[in-house]
C-alpha atoms as a PDB file:
ATOM      1  CA  MET A   1     100.577 141.063 124.815  1.00  0.00           C
ATOM      2  CA  LYS A   2     102.402 139.954 121.618  1.00  0.00           C
ATOM      3  CA  LYS A   3     102.814 136.442 123.048  1.00  0.00           C
ATOM      4  CA  TYR A   4      99.082 136.318 123.790  1.00  0.00           C
ATOM      5  CA  ILE A   5      98.156 137.358 120.234  1.00  0.00           C
ATOM      6  CA  LEU A   6     100.647 134.878 118.770  1.00  0.00           C
ATOM      7  CA  LEU A   7      99.195 132.116 120.929  1.00  0.00           C
ATOM      8  CA  LEU A   8      95.642 132.975 119.781  1.00  0.00           C
ATOM      9  CA  LEU A   9      96.708 132.915 116.128  1.00  0.00           C
ATOM     10  CA  LEU A  10      98.410 129.559 116.622  1.00  0.00           C
ATOM     11  CA  LEU A  11      95.324 128.074 118.300  1.00  0.00           C
ATOM     12  CA  ALA A  12      93.058 129.473 115.580  1.00  0.00           C
ATOM     13  CA  GLY A  13      95.286 127.936 112.904  1.00  0.00           C
ATOM     14  CA  LEU A  14      95.313 124.535 114.607  1.00  0.00           C
ATOM     15  CA  SER A  15      91.561 124.505 115.101  1.00  0.00           C
ATOM     16  CA  GLY A  16      91.094 125.469 111.438  1.00  0.00           C
ATOM     17  CA  PHE A  17      93.317 122.566 110.408  1.00  0.00           C
ATOM     18  CA  ALA A  18      91.281 120.189 112.604  1.00  0.00           C
ATOM     19  CA  PHE A  19      88.070 121.514 111.020  1.00  0.00           C
ATOM     20  CA  ILE A  20      89.392 120.915 107.498  1.00  0.00           C
ATOM     21  CA  LYS A  21      90.607 117.442 108.426  1.00  0.00           C
ATOM     22  CA  ALA A  22      87.288 116.536 110.066  1.00  0.00           C
ATOM     23  CA  TYR A  23      85.338 117.460 106.923  1.00  0.00           C
ATOM     24  CA  ARG A  24      87.744 116.070 104.353  1.00  0.00           C
ATOM     25  CA  PRO A  25      85.953 113.619 102.033  1.00  0.00           C
ATOM     26  CA  THR A  26      87.035 110.031 102.441  1.00  0.00           C
ATOM     27  CA  LEU A  27      86.769 106.790 100.507  1.00  0.00           C
ATOM     28  CA  GLN A  28      83.933 104.302 100.883  1.00  0.00           C
ATOM     29  CA  TYR A  29      84.948 100.663 101.434  1.00  0.00           C
ATOM     30  CA  ASP A  30      81.628  98.799 101.392  1.00  0.00           C
ATOM     31  CA  GLY A  31      80.954  98.939  97.664  1.00  0.00           C
ATOM     32  CA  ILE A  32      82.463  99.961  94.329  1.00  0.00           C
ATOM     33  CA  TYR A  33      83.126 103.144  92.390  1.00  0.00           C
ATOM     34  CA  VAL A  34      81.663 103.053  88.883  1.00  0.00           C
ATOM     35  CA  ASN A  35      82.136 104.965  85.642  1.00  0.00           C
ATOM     36  CA  LYS A  36      79.689 103.903  82.924  1.00  0.00           C
ATOM     37  CA  LEU A  37      81.645 103.452  79.708  1.00  0.00           C
ATOM     38  CA  ASP A  38      78.589 102.715  77.554  1.00  0.00           C
ATOM     39  CA  ALA A  39      75.098 101.204  77.867  1.00  0.00           C
ATOM     40  CA  GLU A  40      76.451  97.794  78.874  1.00  0.00           C
ATOM     41  CA  ASN A  41      79.909  98.241  80.430  1.00  0.00           C
ATOM     42  CA  SER A  42      81.490 100.094  83.326  1.00  0.00           C
ATOM     43  CA  ALA A  43      84.960 100.777  84.648  1.00  0.00           C
ATOM     44  CA  ILE A  44      85.021  99.771  88.324  1.00  0.00           C
ATOM     45  CA  ILE A  45      87.274 100.469  91.311  1.00  0.00           C
ATOM     46  CA  ARG A  46      87.231  98.967  94.802  1.00  0.00           C
ATOM     47  CA  PHE A  47      89.228 100.237  97.756  1.00  0.00           C
ATOM     48  CA  TYR A  48      90.214  98.412 100.930  1.00  0.00           C
ATOM     49  CA  GLU A  49      91.024 100.049 104.248  1.00  0.00           C
ATOM     50  CA  ASP A  50      94.549  98.572 104.303  1.00  0.00           C
ATOM     51  CA  GLY A  51      95.548 100.565 101.198  1.00  0.00           C
ATOM     52  CA  VAL A  52      94.844  97.969  98.500  1.00  0.00           C
ATOM     53  CA  VAL A  53      92.918  99.007  95.388  1.00  0.00           C
ATOM     54  CA  ILE A  54      91.590  96.825  92.564  1.00  0.00           C
ATOM     55  CA  VAL A  55      90.405  97.950  89.122  1.00  0.00           C
ATOM     56  CA  SER A  56      88.546  96.202  86.310  1.00  0.00           C
ATOM     57  CA  SER A  57      85.713  96.598  83.820  1.00  0.00           C
ATOM     58  CA  SER A  58      82.396  94.820  83.921  1.00  0.00           C
ATOM     59  CA  VAL A  59      78.817  94.675  82.747  1.00  0.00           C
ATOM     60  CA  ASN A  60      76.472  97.040  84.569  1.00  0.00           C
ATOM     61  CA  ASP A  61      74.886  94.419  86.871  1.00  0.00           C
ATOM     62  CA  TYR A  62      76.669  95.486  90.042  1.00  0.00           C
ATOM     63  CA  SER A  63      75.131  92.845  92.300  1.00  0.00           C
ATOM     64  CA  LYS A  64      76.904  90.188  90.214  1.00  0.00           C
ATOM     65  CA  VAL A  65      80.129  92.188  90.121  1.00  0.00           C
ATOM     66  CA  MET A  66      80.523  91.901  93.893  1.00  0.00           C
ATOM     67  CA  THR A  67      80.604  88.088  93.642  1.00  0.00           C
ATOM     68  CA  TRP A  68      83.953  88.155  91.836  1.00  0.00           C
ATOM     69  CA  PHE A  69      85.336  91.688  92.173  1.00  0.00           C
ATOM     70  CA  ASN A  70      87.604  91.196  95.163  1.00  0.00           C
ATOM     71  CA  ARG A  71      91.239  90.501  95.876  1.00  0.00           C
ATOM     72  CA  ASP A  72      90.881  86.754  96.352  1.00  0.00           C
ATOM     73  CA  LYS A  73      93.697  84.862  94.663  1.00  0.00           C
ATOM     74  CA  GLU A  74      91.427  83.123  92.138  1.00  0.00           C
ATOM     75  CA  ASN A  75      90.210  86.531  90.850  1.00  0.00           C
ATOM     76  CA  LEU A  76      93.596  88.194  90.326  1.00  0.00           C
ATOM     77  CA  SER A  77      93.633  87.405  86.596  1.00  0.00           C
ATOM     78  CA  ARG A  78      90.480  89.543  86.194  1.00  0.00           C
ATOM     79  CA  VAL A  79      91.700  92.649  88.008  1.00  0.00           C
ATOM     80  CA  LEU A  80      94.530  95.134  88.184  1.00  0.00           C
ATOM     81  CA  THR A  81      95.848  95.578  91.738  1.00  0.00           C
ATOM     82  CA  GLY A  82      97.901  98.171  93.553  1.00  0.00           C
ATOM     83  CA  LYS A  83      98.204 100.416  96.599  1.00  0.00           C
ATOM     84  CA  TYR A  84      96.576 103.821  96.934  1.00  0.00           C
ATOM     85  CA  LYS A  85      97.672 106.931  98.797  1.00  0.00           C
ATOM     86  CA  MET A  86      95.458 109.732 100.005  1.00  0.00           C
ATOM     87  CA  GLY A  87      96.677 113.270 100.629  1.00  0.00           C
ATOM     88  CA  LYS A  88      97.280 114.069 104.295  1.00  0.00           C
ATOM     89  CA  ARG A  89      96.012 117.624 104.019  1.00  0.00           C
ATOM     90  CA  ASP A  90      93.539 117.425 101.163  1.00  0.00           C
ATOM     91  CA  ALA A  91      91.287 114.990  99.343  1.00  0.00           C
ATOM     92  CA  SER A  92      93.850 113.961  96.737  1.00  0.00           C
ATOM     93  CA  LEU A  93      94.172 110.346  95.682  1.00  0.00           C
ATOM     94  CA  ARG A  94      96.892 108.501  93.756  1.00  0.00           C
ATOM     95  CA  PHE A  95      97.483 104.899  92.817  1.00  0.00           C
ATOM     96  CA  ARG A  96      99.078 102.653  90.227  1.00  0.00           C
ATOM     97  CA  VAL A  97      97.620  99.271  89.355  1.00  0.00           C
ATOM     98  CA  LYS A  98      99.128  96.338  87.459  1.00  0.00           C
ATOM     99  CA  GLY A  99      97.959  92.946  86.299  1.00  0.00           C
ATOM    100  CA  GLU A 100      97.984  90.428  83.494  1.00  0.00           C
ATOM    101  CA  THR A 101      96.190  92.861  81.171  1.00  0.00           C
ATOM    102  CA  GLY A 102      98.401  95.902  81.738  1.00  0.00           C
ATOM    103  CA  GLU A 103      99.123  98.870  83.957  1.00  0.00           C
ATOM    104  CA  GLN A 104      97.411 102.196  84.714  1.00  0.00           C
ATOM    105  CA  LYS A 105      98.241 105.243  86.826  1.00  0.00           C
ATOM    106  CA  TYR A 106      95.463 107.219  88.540  1.00  0.00           C
ATOM    107  CA  SER A 107      95.527 110.645  90.146  1.00  0.00           C
ATOM    108  CA  GLY A 108      92.739 112.931  91.242  1.00  0.00           C
ATOM    109  CA  PHE A 109      90.415 113.916  94.058  1.00  0.00           C
ATOM    110  CA  ILE A 110      87.584 112.730  96.232  1.00  0.00           C
ATOM    111  CA  THR A 111      84.876 115.366  95.914  1.00  0.00           C
ATOM    112  CA  ALA A 112      82.518 116.657  98.607  1.00  0.00           C
ATOM    113  CA  ASP A 113      79.735 114.433  97.255  1.00  0.00           C
ATOM    114  CA  LYS A 114      82.157 111.470  97.478  1.00  0.00           C
ATOM    115  CA  THR A 115      82.601 110.941  93.776  1.00  0.00           C
ATOM    116  CA  LEU A 116      86.088 110.428  92.382  1.00  0.00           C
ATOM    117  CA  GLU A 117      87.463 112.757  89.710  1.00  0.00           C
ATOM    118  CA  LEU A 118      90.382 110.826  88.254  1.00  0.00           C
ATOM    119  CA  HIS A 119      92.957 111.258  85.513  1.00  0.00           C
ATOM    120  CA  ILE A 120      94.048 107.864  84.161  1.00  0.00           C
ATOM    121  CA  PHE A 121      97.326 107.320  82.327  1.00  0.00           C
ATOM    122  CA  ASN A 122      98.300 104.176  80.399  1.00  0.00           C
ATOM    123  CA  PRO A 123     102.121 104.051  80.225  1.00  0.00           C
ATOM    124  CA  LYS A 124     102.171 101.320  77.563  1.00  0.00           C
ATOM    125  CA  ASP A 125     100.553 103.363  74.826  1.00  0.00           C
ATOM    126  CA  GLN A 126     101.033 106.817  76.413  1.00  0.00           C
ATOM    127  CA  THR A 127      97.289 107.587  76.393  1.00  0.00           C
ATOM    128  CA  SER A 128      95.225 109.223  79.102  1.00  0.00           C
ATOM    129  CA  THR A 129      91.628 110.047  79.946  1.00  0.00           C
ATOM    130  CA  ASP A 130      89.586 111.737  82.670  1.00  0.00           C
ATOM    131  CA  ARG A 131      86.677 109.989  84.373  1.00  0.00           C
ATOM    132  CA  ILE A 132      84.222 110.622  87.177  1.00  0.00           C
ATOM    133  CA  TYR A 133      83.367 107.610  89.327  1.00  0.00           C
ATOM    134  CA  THR A 134      80.278 107.411  91.544  1.00  0.00           C
ATOM    135  CA  PHE A 135      79.906 105.130  94.536  1.00  0.00           C
ATOM    136  CA  VAL A 136      77.538 102.158  94.348  1.00  0.00           C
ATOM    137  CA  LYS A 137      76.698  99.947  97.299  1.00  0.00           C
ATOM    138  CA  PRO A 138      75.273  96.726  95.820  1.00  0.00           C
ATOM    139  CA  ASN A 139      72.409  94.987  97.599  1.00  0.00           C
END
């Protein structure tokens, strides 16, 4: 009887883990994440399925952003690049990006509505900020 109860508890735990994993928010790869800095400019992030992430800032015309905001070699001077890691058991997200203009470290979460809540740290001047990024799929 004890073995039967233990087996039921184990199965219940595994099915609960599968349920959590199935409903864990995930990144979107067919657009950009945007945080409006002011009326004209935004901070932008783009993720790729192979683990690459690029970061930059831009004017708020997102259809034009997609023409240059990619990891093509000729655009690397405009962006910070790095690799991201997602939590295996939760919706956590971490990455560090570097480029000609500096370096930043990001940590945070993907929320249920698929926004990103990120803490950003600049190691050069030891400053940090928190931002919420929303997903935009340009036309």
